[in-house]
PDB file of all heavy atoms in Angstrom:
ATOM      1  N   ALA A   1     -14.170 -67.051   0.817  1.00  0.00           N
ATOM      2  CA  ALA A   1     -14.259 -65.813   0.040  1.00  0.00           C
ATOM      3  C   ALA A   1     -14.750 -66.086  -1.376  1.00  0.00           C
ATOM      4  O   ALA A   1     -15.596 -65.359  -1.911  1.00  0.00           O
ATOM      5  CB  ALA A   1     -12.902 -65.118   0.012  1.00  0.00           C
ATOM      6  N   ALA A   2     -14.215 -67.127  -1.995  1.00  0.00           N
ATOM      7  CA  ALA A   2     -14.657 -67.471  -3.348  1.00  0.00           C
ATOM      8  C   ALA A   2     -16.130 -67.848  -3.358  1.00  0.00           C
ATOM      9  O   ALA A   2     -16.894 -67.421  -4.237  1.00  0.00           O
ATOM     10  CB  ALA A   2     -13.796 -68.609  -3.895  1.00  0.00           C
ATOM     11  N   ASP A   3     -16.547 -68.628  -2.384  1.00  0.00           N
ATOM     12  CA  ASP A   3     -17.956 -69.033  -2.303  1.00  0.00           C
ATOM     13  C   ASP A   3     -18.874 -67.836  -2.104  1.00  0.00           C
ATOM     14  O   ASP A   3     -20.040 -67.851  -2.527  1.00  0.00           O
ATOM     15  CB  ASP A   3     -18.155 -70.033  -1.167  1.00  0.00           C
ATOM     16  CG  ASP A   3     -17.539 -71.391  -1.453  1.00  0.00           C
ATOM     17  OD1 ASP A   3     -17.214 -71.659  -2.633  1.00  0.00           O
ATOM     18  OD2 ASP A   3     -17.371 -72.170  -0.497  1.00  0.00           O
ATOM     19  N   ALA A   4     -18.363 -66.786  -1.449  1.00  0.00           N
ATOM     20  CA  ALA A   4     -19.164 -65.583  -1.209  1.00  0.00           C
ATOM     21  C   ALA A   4     -19.173 -64.642  -2.403  1.00  0.00           C
ATOM     22  O   ALA A   4     -19.836 -63.598  -2.361  1.00  0.00           O
ATOM     23  CB  ALA A   4     -18.640 -64.848   0.024  1.00  0.00           C
ATOM     24  N   GLY A   5     -18.442 -64.984  -3.462  1.00  0.00           N
ATOM     25  CA  GLY A   5     -18.477 -64.195  -4.677  1.00  0.00           C
ATOM     26  C   GLY A   5     -17.279 -63.310  -4.935  1.00  0.00           C
ATOM     27  O   GLY A   5     -17.246 -62.585  -5.933  1.00  0.00           O
ATOM     28  N   PHE A   6     -16.280 -63.351  -4.063  1.00  0.00           N
ATOM     29  CA  PHE A   6     -15.080 -62.546  -4.289  1.00  0.00           C
ATOM     30  C   PHE A   6     -14.192 -63.193  -5.360  1.00  0.00           C
ATOM     31  O   PHE A   6     -14.040 -64.423  -5.386  1.00  0.00           O
ATOM     32  CB  PHE A   6     -14.281 -62.393  -2.998  1.00  0.00           C
ATOM     33  CG  PHE A   6     -14.876 -61.436  -2.012  1.00  0.00           C
ATOM     34  CD1 PHE A   6     -15.668 -61.892  -0.954  1.00  0.00           C
ATOM     35  CD2 PHE A   6     -14.649 -60.075  -2.126  1.00  0.00           C
ATOM     36  CE1 PHE A   6     -16.214 -61.012  -0.041  1.00  0.00           C
ATOM     37  CE2 PHE A   6     -15.190 -59.177  -1.209  1.00  0.00           C
ATOM     38  CZ  PHE A   6     -15.979 -59.651  -0.167  1.00  0.00           C
ATOM     39  N   ALA A   7     -13.579 -62.356  -6.172  1.00  0.00           N
ATOM     40  CA  ALA A   7     -12.630 -62.830  -7.167  1.00  0.00           C
ATOM     41  C   ALA A   7     -11.195 -62.531  -6.767  1.00  0.00           C
ATOM     42  O   ALA A   7     -10.258 -62.970  -7.447  1.00  0.00           O
ATOM     43  CB  ALA A   7     -12.916 -62.185  -8.524  1.00  0.00           C
ATOM     44  N   ALA A   8     -11.016 -61.782  -5.676  1.00  0.00           N
ATOM     45  CA  ALA A   8      -9.678 -61.373  -5.260  1.00  0.00           C
ATOM     46  C   ALA A   8      -9.611 -61.290  -3.738  1.00  0.00           C
ATOM     47  O   ALA A   8     -10.632 -61.105  -3.070  1.00  0.00           O
ATOM     48  CB  ALA A   8      -9.295 -60.026  -5.874  1.00  0.00           C
ATOM     49  N   VAL A   9      -8.388 -61.412  -3.221  1.00  0.00           N
ATOM     50  CA  VAL A   9      -8.161 -61.327  -1.778  1.00  0.00           C
ATOM     51  C   VAL A   9      -6.915 -60.503  -1.503  1.00  0.00           C
ATOM     52  O   VAL A   9      -6.062 -60.298  -2.371  1.00  0.00           O
ATOM     53  CB  VAL A   9      -8.012 -62.730  -1.130  1.00  0.00           C
ATOM     54  CG1 VAL A   9      -9.293 -63.540  -1.288  1.00  0.00           C
ATOM     55  CG2 VAL A   9      -6.815 -63.484  -1.703  1.00  0.00           C
ATOM     56  N   GLU A  10      -6.835 -60.045  -0.267  1.00  0.00           N
ATOM     57  CA  GLU A  10      -5.643 -59.434   0.297  1.00  0.00           C
ATOM     58  C   GLU A  10      -5.613 -59.846   1.758  1.00  0.00           C
ATOM     59  O   GLU A  10      -6.558 -60.451   2.265  1.00  0.00           O
ATOM     60  CB  GLU A  10      -5.687 -57.910   0.158  1.00  0.00           C
ATOM     61  CG  GLU A  10      -6.867 -57.274   0.888  1.00  0.00           C
ATOM     62  CD  GLU A  10      -6.916 -55.759   0.757  1.00  0.00           C
ATOM     63  OE1 GLU A  10      -6.597 -55.241  -0.319  1.00  0.00           O
ATOM     64  OE2 GLU A  10      -7.278 -55.101   1.757  1.00  0.00           O
ATOM     65  N   TYR A  11      -4.520 -59.570   2.443  1.00  0.00           N
ATOM     66  CA  TYR A  11      -4.448 -59.821   3.879  1.00  0.00           C
ATOM     67  C   TYR A  11      -3.232 -59.103   4.417  1.00  0.00           C
ATOM     68  O   TYR A  11      -2.454 -58.513   3.659  1.00  0.00           O
ATOM     69  CB  TYR A  11      -4.409 -61.320   4.216  1.00  0.00           C
ATOM     70  CG  TYR A  11      -3.581 -62.177   3.295  1.00  0.00           C
ATOM     71  CD1 TYR A  11      -2.197 -62.137   3.323  1.00  0.00           C
ATOM     72  CD2 TYR A  11      -4.197 -63.059   2.409  1.00  0.00           C
ATOM     73  CE1 TYR A  11      -1.441 -62.940   2.491  1.00  0.00           C
ATOM     74  CE2 TYR A  11      -3.445 -63.857   1.564  1.00  0.00           C
ATOM     75  CZ  TYR A  11      -2.063 -63.800   1.615  1.00  0.00           C
ATOM     76  OH  TYR A  11      -1.314 -64.595   0.781  1.00  0.00           O
ATOM     77  N   LEU A  12      -3.087 -59.141   5.741  1.00  0.00           N
ATOM     78  CA  LEU A  12      -1.973 -58.418   6.346  1.00  0.00           C
ATOM     79  C   LEU A  12      -0.644 -59.132   6.095  1.00  0.00           C
ATOM     80  O   LEU A  12       0.247 -58.588   5.454  1.00  0.00           O
ATOM     81  CB  LEU A  12      -2.220 -58.236   7.844  1.00  0.00           C
ATOM     82  CG  LEU A  12      -3.442 -57.403   8.232  1.00  0.00           C
ATOM     83  CD1 LEU A  12      -3.513 -57.248   9.752  1.00  0.00           C
ATOM     84  CD2 LEU A  12      -3.432 -56.044   7.553  1.00  0.00           C
ATOM     85  N   PHE A  13      -0.522 -60.345   6.618  1.00  0.00           N
ATOM     86  CA  PHE A  13       0.776 -61.023   6.591  1.00  0.00           C
ATOM     87  C   PHE A  13       0.607 -62.492   6.203  1.00  0.00           C
ATOM     88  O   PHE A  13      -0.236 -63.184   6.776  1.00  0.00           O
ATOM     89  CB  PHE A  13       1.445 -60.942   7.971  1.00  0.00           C
ATOM     90  CG  PHE A  13       1.458 -59.553   8.546  1.00  0.00           C
ATOM     91  CD1 PHE A  13       0.703 -59.249   9.672  1.00  0.00           C
ATOM     92  CD2 PHE A  13       2.203 -58.557   7.956  1.00  0.00           C
ATOM     93  CE1 PHE A  13       0.704 -57.971  10.204  1.00  0.00           C
ATOM     94  CE2 PHE A  13       2.207 -57.265   8.477  1.00  0.00           C
ATOM     95  CZ  PHE A  13       1.456 -56.974   9.602  1.00  0.00           C
ATOM     96  N   PRO A  14       1.425 -62.987   5.284  1.00  0.00           N
ATOM     97  CA  PRO A  14       1.326 -64.379   4.848  1.00  0.00           C
ATOM     98  C   PRO A  14       2.352 -65.307   5.476  1.00  0.00           C
ATOM     99  O   PRO A  14       2.424 -66.483   5.115  1.00  0.00           O
ATOM    100  CB  PRO A  14       1.607 -64.264   3.344  1.00  0.00           C
ATOM    101  CG  PRO A  14       2.635 -63.173   3.269  1.00  0.00           C
ATOM    102  CD  PRO A  14       2.278 -62.189   4.381  1.00  0.00           C
ATOM    103  N   TYR A  15       3.136 -64.842   6.419  1.00  0.00           N
ATOM    104  CA  TYR A  15       4.409 -65.500   6.727  1.00  0.00           C
ATOM    105  C   TYR A  15       4.294 -66.745   7.598  1.00  0.00           C
ATOM    106  O   TYR A  15       5.285 -67.438   7.817  1.00  0.00           O
ATOM    107  CB  TYR A  15       5.382 -64.480   7.324  1.00  0.00           C
ATOM    108  CG  TYR A  15       5.491 -63.273   6.417  1.00  0.00           C
ATOM    109  CD1 TYR A  15       4.942 -62.040   6.790  1.00  0.00           C
ATOM    110  CD2 TYR A  15       6.055 -63.386   5.154  1.00  0.00           C
ATOM    111  CE1 TYR A  15       4.989 -60.956   5.938  1.00  0.00           C
ATOM    112  CE2 TYR A  15       6.105 -62.304   4.293  1.00  0.00           C
ATOM    113  CZ  TYR A  15       5.574 -61.097   4.686  1.00  0.00           C
ATOM    114  OH  TYR A  15       5.598 -60.024   3.831  1.00  0.00           O
ATOM    115  N   ASP A  16       3.090 -67.054   8.073  1.00  0.00           N
ATOM    116  CA  ASP A  16       2.898 -68.303   8.802  1.00  0.00           C
ATOM    117  C   ASP A  16       2.696 -69.490   7.866  1.00  0.00           C
ATOM    118  O   ASP A  16       2.580 -70.626   8.333  1.00  0.00           O
ATOM    119  CB  ASP A  16       1.676 -68.199   9.737  1.00  0.00           C
ATOM    120  CG  ASP A  16       1.934 -67.288  10.924  1.00  0.00           C
ATOM    121  OD1 ASP A  16       3.118 -67.099  11.265  1.00  0.00           O
ATOM    122  OD2 ASP A  16       0.957 -66.769  11.491  1.00  0.00           O
ATOM    123  N   HIS A  17       2.650 -69.225   6.559  1.00  0.00           N
ATOM    124  CA  HIS A  17       2.369 -70.282   5.593  1.00  0.00           C
ATOM    125  C   HIS A  17       3.352 -70.197   4.430  1.00  0.00           C
ATOM    126  O   HIS A  17       3.762 -69.110   4.025  1.00  0.00           O
ATOM    127  CB  HIS A  17       0.938 -70.153   5.073  1.00  0.00           C
ATOM    128  CG  HIS A  17      -0.086 -70.137   6.171  1.00  0.00           C
ATOM    129  ND1 HIS A  17      -0.481 -71.273   6.832  1.00  0.00           N
ATOM    130  CD2 HIS A  17      -0.773 -69.108   6.742  1.00  0.00           C
ATOM    131  CE1 HIS A  17      -1.379 -70.960   7.748  1.00  0.00           C
ATOM    132  NE2 HIS A  17      -1.572 -69.655   7.724  1.00  0.00           N
ATOM    133  N   ALA A  18       3.704 -71.341   3.887  1.00  0.00           N
ATOM    134  CA  ALA A  18       4.647 -71.390   2.765  1.00  0.00           C
ATOM    135  C   ALA A  18       4.048 -70.719   1.534  1.00  0.00           C
ATOM    136  O   ALA A  18       2.840 -70.868   1.275  1.00  0.00           O
ATOM    137  CB  ALA A  18       5.003 -72.845   2.446  1.00  0.00           C
ATOM    138  N   PRO A  19       4.850 -70.007   0.770  1.00  0.00           N
ATOM    139  CA  PRO A  19       4.317 -69.331  -0.426  1.00  0.00           C
ATOM    140  C   PRO A  19       3.611 -70.273  -1.388  1.00  0.00           C
ATOM    141  O   PRO A  19       2.555 -69.938  -1.932  1.00  0.00           O
ATOM    142  CB  PRO A  19       5.563 -68.705  -1.059  1.00  0.00           C
ATOM    143  CG  PRO A  19       6.560 -68.594   0.037  1.00  0.00           C
ATOM    144  CD  PRO A  19       6.282 -69.715   0.973  1.00  0.00           C
ATOM    145  N   ASP A  20       4.168 -71.459  -1.603  1.00  0.00           N
ATOM    146  CA  ASP A  20       3.555 -72.391  -2.552  1.00  0.00           C
ATOM    147  C   ASP A  20       2.190 -72.872  -2.069  1.00  0.00           C
ATOM    148  O   ASP A  20       1.290 -73.127  -2.879  1.00  0.00           O
ATOM    149  CB  ASP A  20       4.478 -73.586  -2.797  1.00  0.00           C
ATOM    150  CG  ASP A  20       5.732 -73.197  -3.563  1.00  0.00           C
ATOM    151  OD1 ASP A  20       5.753 -72.085  -4.125  1.00  0.00           O
ATOM    152  OD2 ASP A  20       6.685 -73.990  -3.583  1.00  0.00           O
ATOM    153  N   LEU A  21       2.023 -73.002  -0.754  1.00  0.00           N
ATOM    154  CA  LEU A  21       0.745 -73.418  -0.206  1.00  0.00           C
ATOM    155  C   LEU A  21      -0.315 -72.349  -0.463  1.00  0.00           C
ATOM    156  O   LEU A  21      -1.456 -72.656  -0.854  1.00  0.00           O
ATOM    157  CB  LEU A  21       0.883 -73.685   1.290  1.00  0.00           C
ATOM    158  CG  LEU A  21      -0.385 -74.075   2.047  1.00  0.00           C
ATOM    159  CD1 LEU A  21      -0.995 -75.343   1.466  1.00  0.00           C
ATOM    160  CD2 LEU A  21      -0.078 -74.262   3.533  1.00  0.00           C
ATOM    161  N   LEU A  22       0.052 -71.093  -0.262  1.00  0.00           N
ATOM    162  CA  LEU A  22      -0.893 -70.006  -0.525  1.00  0.00           C
ATOM    163  C   LEU A  22      -1.205 -69.910  -2.011  1.00  0.00           C
ATOM    164  O   LEU A  22      -2.367 -69.687  -2.396  1.00  0.00           O
ATOM    165  CB  LEU A  22      -0.306 -68.689  -0.014  1.00  0.00           C
ATOM    166  CG  LEU A  22      -0.061 -68.618   1.497  1.00  0.00           C
ATOM    167  CD1 LEU A  22       0.632 -67.315   1.860  1.00  0.00           C
ATOM    168  CD2 LEU A  22      -1.356 -68.771   2.270  1.00  0.00           C
ATOM    169  N   ALA A  23      -0.191 -70.090  -2.839  1.00  0.00           N
ATOM    170  CA  ALA A  23      -0.422 -70.054  -4.285  1.00  0.00           C
ATOM    171  C   ALA A  23      -1.390 -71.149  -4.708  1.00  0.00           C
ATOM    172  O   ALA A  23      -2.249 -70.938  -5.581  1.00  0.00           O
ATOM    173  CB  ALA A  23       0.906 -70.201  -5.028  1.00  0.00           C
ATOM    174  N   ALA A  24      -1.276 -72.315  -4.099  1.00  0.00           N
ATOM    175  CA  ALA A  24      -2.173 -73.420  -4.432  1.00  0.00           C
ATOM    176  C   ALA A  24      -3.610 -73.097  -4.035  1.00  0.00           C
ATOM    177  O   ALA A  24      -4.559 -73.431  -4.758  1.00  0.00           O
ATOM    178  CB  ALA A  24      -1.704 -74.702  -3.750  1.00  0.00           C
ATOM    179  N   ARG A  25      -3.802 -72.459  -2.890  1.00  0.00           N
ATOM    180  CA  ARG A  25      -5.152 -72.078  -2.462  1.00  0.00           C
ATOM    181  C   ARG A  25      -5.758 -71.058  -3.429  1.00  0.00           C
ATOM    182  O   ARG A  25      -6.937 -71.146  -3.783  1.00  0.00           O
ATOM    183  CB  ARG A  25      -5.114 -71.504  -1.050  1.00  0.00           C
ATOM    184  CG  ARG A  25      -4.695 -72.482   0.015  1.00  0.00           C
ATOM    185  CD  ARG A  25      -5.809 -73.433   0.393  1.00  0.00           C
ATOM    186  NE  ARG A  25      -5.339 -74.533   1.218  1.00  0.00           N
ATOM    187  CZ  ARG A  25      -6.053 -75.122   2.161  1.00  0.00           C
ATOM    188  NH1 ARG A  25      -7.291 -74.715   2.385  1.00  0.00           N
ATOM    189  NH2 ARG A  25      -5.556 -76.116   2.860  1.00  0.00           N
ATOM    190  N   LEU A  26      -4.962 -70.106  -3.831  1.00  0.00           N
ATOM    191  CA  LEU A  26      -5.445 -69.113  -4.787  1.00  0.00           C
ATOM    192  C   LEU A  26      -5.864 -69.776  -6.092  1.00  0.00           C
ATOM    193  O   LEU A  26      -6.945 -69.497  -6.631  1.00  0.00           O
ATOM    194  CB  LEU A  26      -4.355 -68.071  -5.055  1.00  0.00           C
ATOM    195  CG  LEU A  26      -3.992 -67.143  -3.898  1.00  0.00           C
ATOM    196  CD1 LEU A  26      -2.661 -66.451  -4.162  1.00  0.00           C
ATOM    197  CD2 LEU A  26      -5.085 -66.103  -3.670  1.00  0.00           C
ATOM    198  N   ALA A  27      -5.014 -70.658  -6.596  1.00  0.00           N
ATOM    199  CA  ALA A  27      -5.314 -71.328  -7.865  1.00  0.00           C
ATOM    200  C   ALA A  27      -6.546 -72.218  -7.743  1.00  0.00           C
ATOM    201  O   ALA A  27      -7.403 -72.248  -8.639  1.00  0.00           O
ATOM    202  CB  ALA A  27      -4.099 -72.135  -8.314  1.00  0.00           C
ATOM    203  N   ARG A  28      -6.635 -72.949  -6.644  1.00  0.00           N
ATOM    204  CA  ARG A  28      -7.751 -73.883  -6.463  1.00  0.00           C
ATOM    205  C   ARG A  28      -9.089 -73.165  -6.498  1.00  0.00           C
ATOM    206  O   ARG A  28     -10.081 -73.708  -7.014  1.00  0.00           O
ATOM    207  CB  ARG A  28      -7.597 -74.617  -5.135  1.00  0.00           C
ATOM    208  CG  ARG A  28      -8.692 -75.652  -4.861  1.00  0.00           C
ATOM    209  CD  ARG A  28      -8.561 -76.238  -3.471  1.00  0.00           C
ATOM    210  NE  ARG A  28      -7.219 -76.759  -3.211  1.00  0.00           N
ATOM    211  CZ  ARG A  28      -6.800 -77.189  -2.020  1.00  0.00           C
ATOM    212  NH1 ARG A  28      -7.640 -77.149  -0.977  1.00  0.00           N
ATOM    213  NH2 ARG A  28      -5.576 -77.636  -1.851  1.00  0.00           N
ATOM    214  N   HIS A  29      -9.119 -71.933  -5.976  1.00  0.00           N
ATOM    215  CA  HIS A  29     -10.392 -71.229  -5.848  1.00  0.00           C
ATOM    216  C   HIS A  29     -10.530 -70.077  -6.841  1.00  0.00           C
ATOM    217  O   HIS A  29     -11.473 -69.283  -6.743  1.00  0.00           O
ATOM    218  CB  HIS A  29     -10.559 -70.740  -4.418  1.00  0.00           C
ATOM    219  CG  HIS A  29     -10.521 -71.852  -3.418  1.00  0.00           C
ATOM    220  ND1 HIS A  29     -11.497 -72.813  -3.339  1.00  0.00           N
ATOM    221  CD2 HIS A  29      -9.583 -72.183  -2.487  1.00  0.00           C
ATOM    222  CE1 HIS A  29     -11.186 -73.685  -2.397  1.00  0.00           C
ATOM    223  NE2 HIS A  29     -10.037 -73.329  -1.861  1.00  0.00           N
ATOM    224  N   GLY A  30      -9.617 -69.993  -7.800  1.00  0.00           N
ATOM    225  CA  GLY A  30      -9.723 -68.998  -8.854  1.00  0.00           C
ATOM    226  C   GLY A  30      -9.631 -67.568  -8.360  1.00  0.00           C
ATOM    227  O   GLY A  30     -10.303 -66.670  -8.880  1.00  0.00           O
TER     228      GLY A  30
END
């Protein structure tokens, strides 16, 4: 998504992944 030019994301459900892992992905890709 970041490579395609998006600055923000949303999704249905995050619960298959730890919150800190998702936070790290968000931070890594701005």
